[in-house]
mmCIF file of all heavy atoms, coordinates in Angstrom:
data_MODEL
# 
_entry.id   MODEL 
# 
loop_
_atom_site.group_PDB 
_atom_site.id 
_atom_site.type_symbol 
_atom_site.label_atom_id 
_atom_site.label_alt_id 
_atom_site.label_comp_id 
_atom_site.label_asym_id 
_atom_site.label_entity_id 
_atom_site.label_seq_id 
_atom_site.pdbx_PDB_ins_code 
_atom_site.Cartn_x 
_atom_site.Cartn_y 
_atom_site.Cartn_z 
_atom_site.occupancy 
_atom_site.B_iso_or_equiv 
_atom_site.pdbx_formal_charge 
_atom_site.auth_seq_id 
_atom_site.auth_comp_id 
_atom_site.auth_asym_id 
_atom_site.auth_atom_id 
_atom_site.pdbx_PDB_model_num 
ATOM 1   N N   . ALA A 1 1  ? -31.986 29.158 -50.037 1.00 0.00 ? 1  ALA A N   1 
ATOM 2   C CA  . ALA A 1 1  ? -30.662 28.736 -50.487 1.00 0.00 ? 1  ALA A CA  1 
ATOM 3   C C   . ALA A 1 1  ? -29.547 29.237 -49.566 1.00 0.00 ? 1  ALA A C   1 
ATOM 4   O O   . ALA A 1 1  ? -28.669 29.999 -49.987 1.00 0.00 ? 1  ALA A O   1 
ATOM 5   C CB  . ALA A 1 1  ? -30.396 29.164 -51.928 1.00 0.00 ? 1  ALA A CB  1 
ATOM 6   N N   . PRO A 1 2  ? -29.550 28.820 -48.299 1.00 0.00 ? 2  PRO A N   1 
ATOM 7   C CA  . PRO A 1 2  ? -28.450 29.207 -47.391 1.00 0.00 ? 2  PRO A CA  1 
ATOM 8   C C   . PRO A 1 2  ? -27.196 28.393 -47.732 1.00 0.00 ? 2  PRO A C   1 
ATOM 9   O O   . PRO A 1 2  ? -27.049 27.255 -47.301 1.00 0.00 ? 2  PRO A O   1 
ATOM 10  C CB  . PRO A 1 2  ? -29.008 28.847 -46.006 1.00 0.00 ? 2  PRO A CB  1 
ATOM 11  C CG  . PRO A 1 2  ? -29.953 27.709 -46.272 1.00 0.00 ? 2  PRO A CG  1 
ATOM 12  C CD  . PRO A 1 2  ? -30.538 27.950 -47.623 1.00 0.00 ? 2  PRO A CD  1 
ATOM 13  N N   . ASP A 1 3  ? -26.271 28.993 -48.464 1.00 0.00 ? 3  ASP A N   1 
ATOM 14  C CA  . ASP A 1 3  ? -25.096 28.281 -48.966 1.00 0.00 ? 3  ASP A CA  1 
ATOM 15  C C   . ASP A 1 3  ? -23.889 28.352 -48.044 1.00 0.00 ? 3  ASP A C   1 
ATOM 16  O O   . ASP A 1 3  ? -22.958 27.545 -48.176 1.00 0.00 ? 3  ASP A O   1 
ATOM 17  C CB  . ASP A 1 3  ? -24.693 28.822 -50.344 1.00 0.00 ? 3  ASP A CB  1 
ATOM 18  C CG  . ASP A 1 3  ? -25.660 28.395 -51.442 1.00 0.00 ? 3  ASP A CG  1 
ATOM 19  O OD1 . ASP A 1 3  ? -26.370 27.391 -51.242 1.00 0.00 ? 3  ASP A OD1 1 
ATOM 20  O OD2 . ASP A 1 3  ? -25.709 29.065 -52.494 1.00 0.00 ? 3  ASP A OD2 1 
ATOM 21  N N   . GLY A 1 4  ? -23.853 29.337 -47.143 1.00 0.00 ? 4  GLY A N   1 
ATOM 22  C CA  . GLY A 1 4  ? -22.684 29.525 -46.293 1.00 0.00 ? 4  GLY A CA  1 
ATOM 23  C C   . GLY A 1 4  ? -23.003 29.405 -44.823 1.00 0.00 ? 4  GLY A C   1 
ATOM 24  O O   . GLY A 1 4  ? -24.078 29.826 -44.370 1.00 0.00 ? 4  GLY A O   1 
ATOM 25  N N   . VAL A 1 5  ? -22.074 28.835 -44.063 1.00 0.00 ? 5  VAL A N   1 
ATOM 26  C CA  . VAL A 1 5  ? -22.263 28.696 -42.626 1.00 0.00 ? 5  VAL A CA  1 
ATOM 27  C C   . VAL A 1 5  ? -20.908 28.806 -41.935 1.00 0.00 ? 5  VAL A C   1 
ATOM 28  O O   . VAL A 1 5  ? -19.887 28.311 -42.426 1.00 0.00 ? 5  VAL A O   1 
ATOM 29  C CB  . VAL A 1 5  ? -22.951 27.360 -42.269 1.00 0.00 ? 5  VAL A CB  1 
ATOM 30  C CG1 . VAL A 1 5  ? -22.088 26.166 -42.679 1.00 0.00 ? 5  VAL A CG1 1 
ATOM 31  C CG2 . VAL A 1 5  ? -23.295 27.283 -40.797 1.00 0.00 ? 5  VAL A CG2 1 
ATOM 32  N N   . ALA A 1 6  ? -20.893 29.486 -40.793 1.00 0.00 ? 6  ALA A N   1 
ATOM 33  C CA  . ALA A 1 6  ? -19.702 29.598 -39.952 1.00 0.00 ? 6  ALA A CA  1 
ATOM 34  C C   . ALA A 1 6  ? -20.162 29.711 -38.511 1.00 0.00 ? 6  ALA A C   1 
ATOM 35  O O   . ALA A 1 6  ? -21.286 30.163 -38.231 1.00 0.00 ? 6  ALA A O   1 
ATOM 36  C CB  . ALA A 1 6  ? -18.848 30.810 -40.345 1.00 0.00 ? 6  ALA A CB  1 
ATOM 37  N N   . ILE A 1 7  ? -19.298 29.309 -37.596 1.00 0.00 ? 7  ILE A N   1 
ATOM 38  C CA  . ILE A 1 7  ? -19.654 29.329 -36.180 1.00 0.00 ? 7  ILE A CA  1 
ATOM 39  C C   . ILE A 1 7  ? -18.519 29.961 -35.396 1.00 0.00 ? 7  ILE A C   1 
ATOM 40  O O   . ILE A 1 7  ? -17.342 29.685 -35.655 1.00 0.00 ? 7  ILE A O   1 
ATOM 41  C CB  . ILE A 1 7  ? -19.979 27.904 -35.674 1.00 0.00 ? 7  ILE A CB  1 
ATOM 42  C CG1 . ILE A 1 7  ? -20.513 27.929 -34.242 1.00 0.00 ? 7  ILE A CG1 1 
ATOM 43  C CG2 . ILE A 1 7  ? -18.790 26.977 -35.806 1.00 0.00 ? 7  ILE A CG2 1 
ATOM 44  C CD1 . ILE A 1 7  ? -21.169 26.602 -33.838 1.00 0.00 ? 7  ILE A CD1 1 
ATOM 45  N N   . ASP A 1 8  ? -18.846 30.854 -34.450 1.00 0.00 ? 8  ASP A N   1 
ATOM 46  C CA  . ASP A 1 8  ? -17.806 31.510 -33.674 1.00 0.00 ? 8  ASP A CA  1 
ATOM 47  C C   . ASP A 1 8  ? -17.503 30.726 -32.400 1.00 0.00 ? 8  ASP A C   1 
ATOM 48  O O   . ASP A 1 8  ? -18.095 29.681 -32.130 1.00 0.00 ? 8  ASP A O   1 
ATOM 49  C CB  . ASP A 1 8  ? -18.171 32.974 -33.387 1.00 0.00 ? 8  ASP A CB  1 
ATOM 50  C CG  . ASP A 1 8  ? -19.332 33.139 -32.398 1.00 0.00 ? 8  ASP A CG  1 
ATOM 51  O OD1 . ASP A 1 8  ? -19.775 32.138 -31.784 1.00 0.00 ? 8  ASP A OD1 1 
ATOM 52  O OD2 . ASP A 1 8  ? -19.777 34.290 -32.218 1.00 0.00 ? 8  ASP A OD2 1 
ATOM 53  N N   . ASP A 1 9  ? -16.583 31.249 -31.606 1.00 0.00 ? 9  ASP A N   1 
ATOM 54  C CA  . ASP A 1 9  ? -16.137 30.545 -30.401 1.00 0.00 ? 9  ASP A CA  1 
ATOM 55  C C   . ASP A 1 9  ? -17.207 30.457 -29.327 1.00 0.00 ? 9  ASP A C   1 
ATOM 56  O O   . ASP A 1 9  ? -17.099 29.655 -28.404 1.00 0.00 ? 9  ASP A O   1 
ATOM 57  C CB  . ASP A 1 9  ? -14.877 31.219 -29.836 1.00 0.00 ? 9  ASP A CB  1 
ATOM 58  C CG  . ASP A 1 9  ? -13.668 31.075 -30.758 1.00 0.00 ? 9  ASP A CG  1 
ATOM 59  O OD1 . ASP A 1 9  ? -13.650 30.124 -31.561 1.00 0.00 ? 9  ASP A OD1 1 
ATOM 60  O OD2 . ASP A 1 9  ? -12.755 31.930 -30.689 1.00 0.00 ? 9  ASP A OD2 1 
ATOM 61  N N   . GLU A 1 10 ? -18.234 31.297 -29.428 1.00 0.00 ? 10 GLU A N   1 
ATOM 62  C CA  . GLU A 1 10 ? -19.324 31.271 -28.462 1.00 0.00 ? 10 GLU A CA  1 
ATOM 63  C C   . GLU A 1 10 ? -20.486 30.384 -28.907 1.00 0.00 ? 10 GLU A C   1 
ATOM 64  O O   . GLU A 1 10 ? -21.487 30.280 -28.210 1.00 0.00 ? 10 GLU A O   1 
ATOM 65  C CB  . GLU A 1 10 ? -19.833 32.692 -28.207 1.00 0.00 ? 10 GLU A CB  1 
ATOM 66  C CG  . GLU A 1 10 ? -18.798 33.601 -27.541 1.00 0.00 ? 10 GLU A CG  1 
ATOM 67  C CD  . GLU A 1 10 ? -19.336 34.983 -27.271 1.00 0.00 ? 10 GLU A CD  1 
ATOM 68  O OE1 . GLU A 1 10 ? -20.447 35.290 -27.746 1.00 0.00 ? 10 GLU A OE1 1 
ATOM 69  O OE2 . GLU A 1 10 ? -18.664 35.766 -26.576 1.00 0.00 ? 10 GLU A OE2 1 
ATOM 70  N N   . GLY A 1 11 ? -20.339 29.754 -30.066 1.00 0.00 ? 11 GLY A N   1 
ATOM 71  C CA  . GLY A 1 11 ? -21.383 28.866 -30.552 1.00 0.00 ? 11 GLY A CA  1 
ATOM 72  C C   . GLY A 1 11 ? -22.468 29.538 -31.364 1.00 0.00 ? 11 GLY A C   1 
ATOM 73  O O   . GLY A 1 11 ? -23.470 28.898 -31.705 1.00 0.00 ? 11 GLY A O   1 
ATOM 74  N N   . ILE A 1 12 ? -22.297 30.821 -31.699 1.00 0.00 ? 12 ILE A N   1 
ATOM 75  C CA  . ILE A 1 12 ? -23.265 31.511 -32.549 1.00 0.00 ? 12 ILE A CA  1 
ATOM 76  C C   . ILE A 1 12 ? -23.028 31.092 -33.997 1.00 0.00 ? 12 ILE A C   1 
ATOM 77  O O   . ILE A 1 12 ? -21.909 31.137 -34.495 1.00 0.00 ? 12 ILE A O   1 
ATOM 78  C CB  . ILE A 1 12 ? -23.153 33.038 -32.406 1.00 0.00 ? 12 ILE A CB  1 
ATOM 79  C CG1 . ILE A 1 12 ? -23.476 33.461 -30.972 1.00 0.00 ? 12 ILE A CG1 1 
ATOM 80  C CG2 . ILE A 1 12 ? -24.094 33.740 -33.376 1.00 0.00 ? 12 ILE A CG2 1 
ATOM 81  C CD1 . ILE A 1 12 ? -23.252 34.931 -30.704 1.00 0.00 ? 12 ILE A CD1 1 
ATOM 82  N N   . ILE A 1 13 ? -24.092 30.691 -34.675 1.00 0.00 ? 13 ILE A N   1 
ATOM 83  C CA  . ILE A 1 13 ? -24.006 30.219 -36.051 1.00 0.00 ? 13 ILE A CA  1 
ATOM 84  C C   . ILE A 1 13 ? -24.416 31.350 -36.988 1.00 0.00 ? 13 ILE A C   1 
ATOM 85  O O   . ILE A 1 13 ? -25.510 31.914 -36.861 1.00 0.00 ? 13 ILE A O   1 
ATOM 86  C CB  . ILE A 1 13 ? -24.913 28.993 -36.263 1.00 0.00 ? 13 ILE A CB  1 
ATOM 87  C CG1 . ILE A 1 13 ? -24.501 27.853 -35.323 1.00 0.00 ? 13 ILE A CG1 1 
ATOM 88  C CG2 . ILE A 1 13 ? -24.866 28.533 -37.714 1.00 0.00 ? 13 ILE A CG2 1 
ATOM 89  C CD1 . ILE A 1 13 ? -25.495 26.709 -35.294 1.00 0.00 ? 13 ILE A CD1 1 
ATOM 90  N N   . TYR A 1 14 ? -23.531 31.688 -37.935 1.00 0.00 ? 14 TYR A N   1 
ATOM 91  C CA  . TYR A 1 14 ? -23.802 32.711 -38.935 1.00 0.00 ? 14 TYR A CA  1 
ATOM 92  C C   . TYR A 1 14 ? -24.076 32.045 -40.276 1.00 0.00 ? 14 TYR A C   1 
ATOM 93  O O   . TYR A 1 14 ? -23.429 31.057 -40.641 1.00 0.00 ? 14 TYR A O   1 
ATOM 94  C CB  . TYR A 1 14 ? -22.636 33.694 -39.033 1.00 0.00 ? 14 TYR A CB  1 
ATOM 95  C CG  . TYR A 1 14 ? -22.481 34.545 -37.798 1.00 0.00 ? 14 TYR A CG  1 
ATOM 96  C CD1 . TYR A 1 14 ? -21.725 34.108 -36.716 1.00 0.00 ? 14 TYR A CD1 1 
ATOM 97  C CD2 . TYR A 1 14 ? -23.103 35.781 -37.702 1.00 0.00 ? 14 TYR A CD2 1 
ATOM 98  C CE1 . TYR A 1 14 ? -21.601 34.875 -35.568 1.00 0.00 ? 14 TYR A CE1 1 
ATOM 99  C CE2 . TYR A 1 14 ? -22.976 36.564 -36.564 1.00 0.00 ? 14 TYR A CE2 1 
ATOM 100 C CZ  . TYR A 1 14 ? -22.224 36.107 -35.507 1.00 0.00 ? 14 TYR A CZ  1 
ATOM 101 O OH  . TYR A 1 14 ? -22.100 36.872 -34.365 1.00 0.00 ? 14 TYR A OH  1 
ATOM 102 N N   . ILE A 1 15 ? -25.042 32.598 -41.008 1.00 0.00 ? 15 ILE A N   1 
ATOM 103 C CA  . ILE A 1 15 ? -25.530 31.953 -42.226 1.00 0.00 ? 15 ILE A CA  1 
ATOM 104 C C   . ILE A 1 15 ? -25.575 32.969 -43.361 1.00 0.00 ? 15 ILE A C   1 
ATOM 105 O O   . ILE A 1 15 ? -26.122 34.068 -43.199 1.00 0.00 ? 15 ILE A O   1 
ATOM 106 C CB  . ILE A 1 15 ? -26.939 31.369 -41.990 1.00 0.00 ? 15 ILE A CB  1 
ATOM 107 C CG1 . ILE A 1 15 ? -26.899 30.352 -40.835 1.00 0.00 ? 15 ILE A CG1 1 
ATOM 108 C CG2 . ILE A 1 15 ? -27.493 30.730 -43.259 1.00 0.00 ? 15 ILE A CG2 1 
ATOM 109 C CD1 . ILE A 1 15 ? -28.252 30.121 -40.190 1.00 0.00 ? 15 ILE A CD1 1 
ATOM 110 N N   . ALA A 1 16 ? -25.004 32.593 -44.504 1.00 0.00 ? 16 ALA A N   1 
ATOM 111 C CA  . ALA A 1 16 ? -25.128 33.387 -45.721 1.00 0.00 ? 16 ALA A CA  1 
ATOM 112 C C   . ALA A 1 16 ? -26.365 32.902 -46.468 1.00 0.00 ? 16 ALA A C   1 
ATOM 113 O O   . ALA A 1 16 ? -26.354 31.830 -47.080 1.00 0.00 ? 16 ALA A O   1 
ATOM 114 C CB  . ALA A 1 16 ? -23.881 33.254 -46.584 1.00 0.00 ? 16 ALA A CB  1 
ATOM 115 N N   . ASP A 1 17 ? -27.443 33.683 -46.397 1.00 0.00 ? 17 ASP A N   1 
ATOM 116 C CA  . ASP A 1 17 ? -28.730 33.334 -46.991 1.00 0.00 ? 17 ASP A CA  1 
ATOM 117 C C   . ASP A 1 17 ? -28.737 33.881 -48.420 1.00 0.00 ? 17 ASP A C   1 
ATOM 118 O O   . ASP A 1 17 ? -29.208 34.985 -48.686 1.00 0.00 ? 17 ASP A O   1 
ATOM 119 C CB  . ASP A 1 17 ? -29.852 33.926 -46.141 1.00 0.00 ? 17 ASP A CB  1 
ATOM 120 C CG  . ASP A 1 17 ? -31.214 33.348 -46.467 1.00 0.00 ? 17 ASP A CG  1 
ATOM 121 O OD1 . ASP A 1 17 ? -31.313 32.512 -47.375 1.00 0.00 ? 17 ASP A OD1 1 
ATOM 122 O OD2 . ASP A 1 17 ? -32.194 33.751 -45.793 1.00 0.00 ? 17 ASP A OD2 1 
ATOM 123 N N   . TYR A 1 18 ? -28.231 33.077 -49.341 1.00 0.00 ? 18 TYR A N   1 
ATOM 124 C CA  . TYR A 1 18 ? -27.850 33.519 -50.674 1.00 0.00 ? 18 TYR A CA  1 
ATOM 125 C C   . TYR A 1 18 ? -28.980 34.186 -51.452 1.00 0.00 ? 18 TYR A C   1 
ATOM 126 O O   . TYR A 1 18 ? -28.854 35.333 -51.882 1.00 0.00 ? 18 TYR A O   1 
ATOM 127 C CB  . TYR A 1 18 ? -27.290 32.319 -51.443 1.00 0.00 ? 18 TYR A CB  1 
ATOM 128 C CG  . TYR A 1 18 ? -26.797 32.624 -52.840 1.00 0.00 ? 18 TYR A CG  1 
ATOM 129 C CD1 . TYR A 1 18 ? -25.685 33.428 -53.045 1.00 0.00 ? 18 TYR A CD1 1 
ATOM 130 C CD2 . TYR A 1 18 ? -27.431 32.075 -53.952 1.00 0.00 ? 18 TYR A CD2 1 
ATOM 131 C CE1 . TYR A 1 18 ? -25.221 33.687 -54.331 1.00 0.00 ? 18 TYR A CE1 1 
ATOM 132 C CE2 . TYR A 1 18 ? -26.970 32.325 -55.237 1.00 0.00 ? 18 TYR A CE2 1 
ATOM 133 C CZ  . TYR A 1 18 ? -25.874 33.132 -55.416 1.00 0.00 ? 18 TYR A CZ  1 
ATOM 134 O OH  . TYR A 1 18 ? -25.421 33.385 -56.683 1.00 0.00 ? 18 TYR A OH  1 
ATOM 135 N N   . GLU A 1 19 ? -30.076 33.507 -51.653 1.00 0.00 ? 19 GLU A N   1 
ATOM 136 C CA  . GLU A 1 19 ? -31.144 34.046 -52.489 1.00 0.00 ? 19 GLU A CA  1 
ATOM 137 C C   . GLU A 1 19 ? -31.942 35.133 -51.780 1.00 0.00 ? 19 GLU A C   1 
ATOM 138 O O   . GLU A 1 19 ? -32.574 35.963 -52.448 1.00 0.00 ? 19 GLU A O   1 
ATOM 139 C CB  . GLU A 1 19 ? -32.074 32.929 -52.955 1.00 0.00 ? 19 GLU A CB  1 
ATOM 140 C CG  . GLU A 1 19 ? -31.435 31.945 -53.933 1.00 0.00 ? 19 GLU A CG  1 
ATOM 141 C CD  . GLU A 1 19 ? -31.160 32.551 -55.303 1.00 0.00 ? 19 GLU A CD  1 
ATOM 142 O OE1 . GLU A 1 19 ? -31.589 33.701 -55.561 1.00 0.00 ? 19 GLU A OE1 1 
ATOM 143 O OE2 . GLU A 1 19 ? -30.499 31.896 -56.122 1.00 0.00 ? 19 GLU A OE2 1 
ATOM 144 N N   . ASN A 1 20 ? -31.924 35.160 -50.453 1.00 0.00 ? 20 ASN A N   1 
ATOM 145 C CA  . ASN A 1 20 ? -32.572 36.257 -49.730 1.00 0.00 ? 20 ASN A CA  1 
ATOM 146 C C   . ASN A 1 20 ? -31.682 37.492 -49.638 1.00 0.00 ? 20 ASN A C   1 
ATOM 147 O O   . ASN A 1 20 ? -32.122 38.535 -49.161 1.00 0.00 ? 20 ASN A O   1 
ATOM 148 C CB  . ASN A 1 20 ? -32.979 35.807 -48.328 1.00 0.00 ? 20 ASN A CB  1 
ATOM 149 C CG  . ASN A 1 20 ? -34.312 35.076 -48.299 1.00 0.00 ? 20 ASN A CG  1 
ATOM 150 O OD1 . ASN A 1 20 ? -35.210 35.355 -49.103 1.00 0.00 ? 20 ASN A OD1 1 
ATOM 151 N ND2 . ASN A 1 20 ? -34.463 34.142 -47.361 1.00 0.00 ? 20 ASN A ND2 1 
ATOM 152 N N   . ARG A 1 21 ? -30.400 37.365 -49.997 1.00 0.00 ? 21 ARG A N   1 
ATOM 153 C CA  . ARG A 1 21 ? -29.430 38.472 -49.988 1.00 0.00 ? 21 ARG A CA  1 
ATOM 154 C C   . ARG A 1 21 ? -29.179 38.972 -48.556 1.00 0.00 ? 21 ARG A C   1 
ATOM 155 O O   . ARG A 1 21 ? -29.037 40.174 -48.325 1.00 0.00 ? 21 ARG A O   1 
ATOM 156 C CB  . ARG A 1 21 ? -29.901 39.653 -50.874 1.00 0.00 ? 21 ARG A CB  1 
ATOM 157 C CG  . ARG A 1 21 ? -30.568 39.244 -52.175 1.00 0.00 ? 21 ARG A CG  1 
ATOM 158 C CD  . ARG A 1 21 ? -29.655 38.492 -53.080 1.00 0.00 ? 21 ARG A CD  1 
ATOM 159 N NE  . ARG A 1 21 ? -30.372 38.014 -54.257 1.00 0.00 ? 21 ARG A NE  1 
ATOM 160 C CZ  . ARG A 1 21 ? -29.856 37.184 -55.180 1.00 0.00 ? 21 ARG A CZ  1 
ATOM 161 N NH1 . ARG A 1 21 ? -28.635 36.734 -55.043 1.00 0.00 ? 21 ARG A NH1 1 
ATOM 162 N NH2 . ARG A 1 21 ? -30.572 36.822 -56.220 1.00 0.00 ? 21 ARG A NH2 1 
ATOM 163 N N   . LEU A 1 22 ? -29.100 38.034 -47.610 1.00 0.00 ? 22 LEU A N   1 
ATOM 164 C CA  . LEU A 1 22 ? -29.003 38.391 -46.201 1.00 0.00 ? 22 LEU A CA  1 
ATOM 165 C C   . LEU A 1 22 ? -27.889 37.636 -45.498 1.00 0.00 ? 22 LEU A C   1 
ATOM 166 O O   . LEU A 1 22 ? -27.477 36.556 -45.925 1.00 0.00 ? 22 LEU A O   1 
ATOM 167 C CB  . LEU A 1 22 ? -30.309 38.082 -45.469 1.00 0.00 ? 22 LEU A CB  1 
ATOM 168 C CG  . LEU A 1 22 ? -31.598 38.694 -46.010 1.00 0.00 ? 22 LEU A CG  1 
ATOM 169 C CD1 . LEU A 1 22 ? -32.786 38.109 -45.271 1.00 0.00 ? 22 LEU A CD1 1 
ATOM 170 C CD2 . LEU A 1 22 ? -31.574 40.212 -45.883 1.00 0.00 ? 22 LEU A CD2 1 
ATOM 171 N N   . ILE A 1 23 ? -27.453 38.203 -44.375 1.00 0.00 ? 23 ILE A N   1 
ATOM 172 C CA  . ILE A 1 23 ? -26.626 37.485 -43.413 1.00 0.00 ? 23 ILE A CA  1 
ATOM 173 C C   . ILE A 1 23 ? -27.480 37.299 -42.171 1.00 0.00 ? 23 ILE A C   1 
ATOM 174 O O   . ILE A 1 23 ? -27.977 38.259 -41.588 1.00 0.00 ? 23 ILE A O   1 
ATOM 175 C CB  . ILE A 1 23 ? -25.328 38.258 -43.086 1.00 0.00 ? 23 ILE A CB  1 
ATOM 176 C CG1 . ILE A 1 23 ? -24.563 38.584 -44.370 1.00 0.00 ? 23 ILE A CG1 1 
ATOM 177 C CG2 . ILE A 1 23 ? -24.470 37.433 -42.137 1.00 0.00 ? 23 ILE A CG2 1 
ATOM 178 C CD1 . ILE A 1 23 ? -24.173 37.384 -45.199 1.00 0.00 ? 23 ILE A CD1 1 
ATOM 179 N N   . ARG A 1 24 ? -27.647 36.063 -41.764 1.00 0.00 ? 24 ARG A N   1 
ATOM 180 C CA  . ARG A 1 24 ? -28.502 35.707 -40.643 1.00 0.00 ? 24 ARG A CA  1 
ATOM 181 C C   . ARG A 1 24 ? -27.651 35.061 -39.549 1.00 0.00 ? 24 ARG A C   1 
ATOM 182 O O   . ARG A 1 24 ? -26.496 34.662 -39.791 1.00 0.00 ? 24 ARG A O   1 
ATOM 183 C CB  . ARG A 1 24 ? -29.578 34.703 -41.069 1.00 0.00 ? 24 ARG A CB  1 
ATOM 184 C CG  . ARG A 1 24 ? -30.253 34.980 -42.434 1.00 0.00 ? 24 ARG A CG  1 
ATOM 185 C CD  . ARG A 1 24 ? -31.401 35.859 -42.376 1.00 0.00 ? 24 ARG A CD  1 
ATOM 186 N NE  . ARG A 1 24 ? -32.531 35.332 -41.633 1.00 0.00 ? 24 ARG A NE  1 
ATOM 187 C CZ  . ARG A 1 24 ? -33.453 34.484 -42.164 1.00 0.00 ? 24 ARG A CZ  1 
ATOM 188 N NH1 . ARG A 1 24 ? -33.370 34.060 -43.406 1.00 0.00 ? 24 ARG A NH1 1 
ATOM 189 N NH2 . ARG A 1 24 ? -34.497 34.085 -41.431 1.00 0.00 ? 24 ARG A NH2 1 
ATOM 190 N N   . LYS A 1 25 ? -28.241 34.918 -38.353 1.00 0.00 ? 25 LYS A N   1 
ATOM 191 C CA  . LYS A 1 25 ? -27.536 34.200 -37.302 1.00 0.00 ? 25 LYS A CA  1 
ATOM 192 C C   . LYS A 1 25 ? -28.520 33.457 -36.422 1.00 0.00 ? 25 LYS A C   1 
ATOM 193 O O   . LYS A 1 25 ? -29.677 33.863 -36.255 1.00 0.00 ? 25 LYS A O   1 
ATOM 194 C CB  . LYS A 1 25 ? -26.653 35.125 -36.466 1.00 0.00 ? 25 LYS A CB  1 
ATOM 195 C CG  . LYS A 1 25 ? -27.366 36.022 -35.487 1.00 0.00 ? 25 LYS A CG  1 
ATOM 196 C CD  . LYS A 1 25 ? -26.349 36.800 -34.647 1.00 0.00 ? 25 LYS A CD  1 
ATOM 197 C CE  . LYS A 1 25 ? -27.032 37.710 -33.621 1.00 0.00 ? 25 LYS A CE  1 
ATOM 198 N NZ  . LYS A 1 25 ? -26.031 38.477 -32.831 1.00 0.00 ? 25 LYS A NZ  1 
ATOM 199 N N   . LEU A 1 26 ? -28.006 32.367 -35.868 1.00 0.00 ? 26 LEU A N   1 
ATOM 200 C CA  . LEU A 1 26 ? -28.736 31.578 -34.891 1.00 0.00 ? 26 LEU A CA  1 
ATOM 201 C C   . LEU A 1 26 ? -27.986 31.698 -33.583 1.00 0.00 ? 26 LEU A C   1 
ATOM 202 O O   . LEU A 1 26 ? -26.879 31.173 -33.438 1.00 0.00 ? 26 LEU A O   1 
ATOM 203 C CB  . LEU A 1 26 ? -28.834 30.120 -35.335 1.00 0.00 ? 26 LEU A CB  1 
ATOM 204 C CG  . LEU A 1 26 ? -29.442 29.135 -34.324 1.00 0.00 ? 26 LEU A CG  1 
ATOM 205 C CD1 . LEU A 1 26 ? -30.895 29.469 -34.064 1.00 0.00 ? 26 LEU A CD1 1 
ATOM 206 C CD2 . LEU A 1 26 ? -29.298 27.704 -34.809 1.00 0.00 ? 26 LEU A CD2 1 
ATOM 207 N N   . ALA A 1 27 ? -28.567 32.400 -32.630 1.00 0.00 ? 27 ALA A N   1 
ATOM 208 C CA  . ALA A 1 27 ? -27.926 32.641 -31.347 1.00 0.00 ? 27 ALA A CA  1 
ATOM 209 C C   . ALA A 1 27 ? -28.564 31.782 -30.276 1.00 0.00 ? 27 ALA A C   1 
ATOM 210 O O   . ALA A 1 27 ? -29.796 31.744 -30.136 1.00 0.00 ? 27 ALA A O   1 
ATOM 211 C CB  . ALA A 1 27 ? -28.013 34.114 -30.966 1.00 0.00 ? 27 ALA A CB  1 
ATOM 212 N N   . ILE A 1 28 ? -27.732 31.084 -29.530 1.00 0.00 ? 28 ILE A N   1 
ATOM 213 C CA  . ILE A 1 28 ? -28.175 30.290 -28.391 1.00 0.00 ? 28 ILE A CA  1 
ATOM 214 C C   . ILE A 1 28 ? -27.660 30.986 -27.146 1.00 0.00 ? 28 ILE A C   1 
ATOM 215 O O   . ILE A 1 28 ? -26.462 31.050 -26.909 1.00 0.00 ? 28 ILE A O   1 
ATOM 216 C CB  . ILE A 1 28 ? -27.654 28.841 -28.483 1.00 0.00 ? 28 ILE A CB  1 
ATOM 217 C CG1 . ILE A 1 28 ? -28.107 28.204 -29.799 1.00 0.00 ? 28 ILE A CG1 1 
ATOM 218 C CG2 . ILE A 1 28 ? -28.149 28.020 -27.296 1.00 0.00 ? 28 ILE A CG2 1 
ATOM 219 C CD1 . ILE A 1 28 ? -27.506 26.835 -30.051 1.00 0.00 ? 28 ILE A CD1 1 
# 
């Protein structure tokens, strides 16, 4: 249940992984 998403100026995607209780990121 990743309900939240935001992206910074460098293109890194941050994810609020709701049911896992985590903050994750996708880095390119």
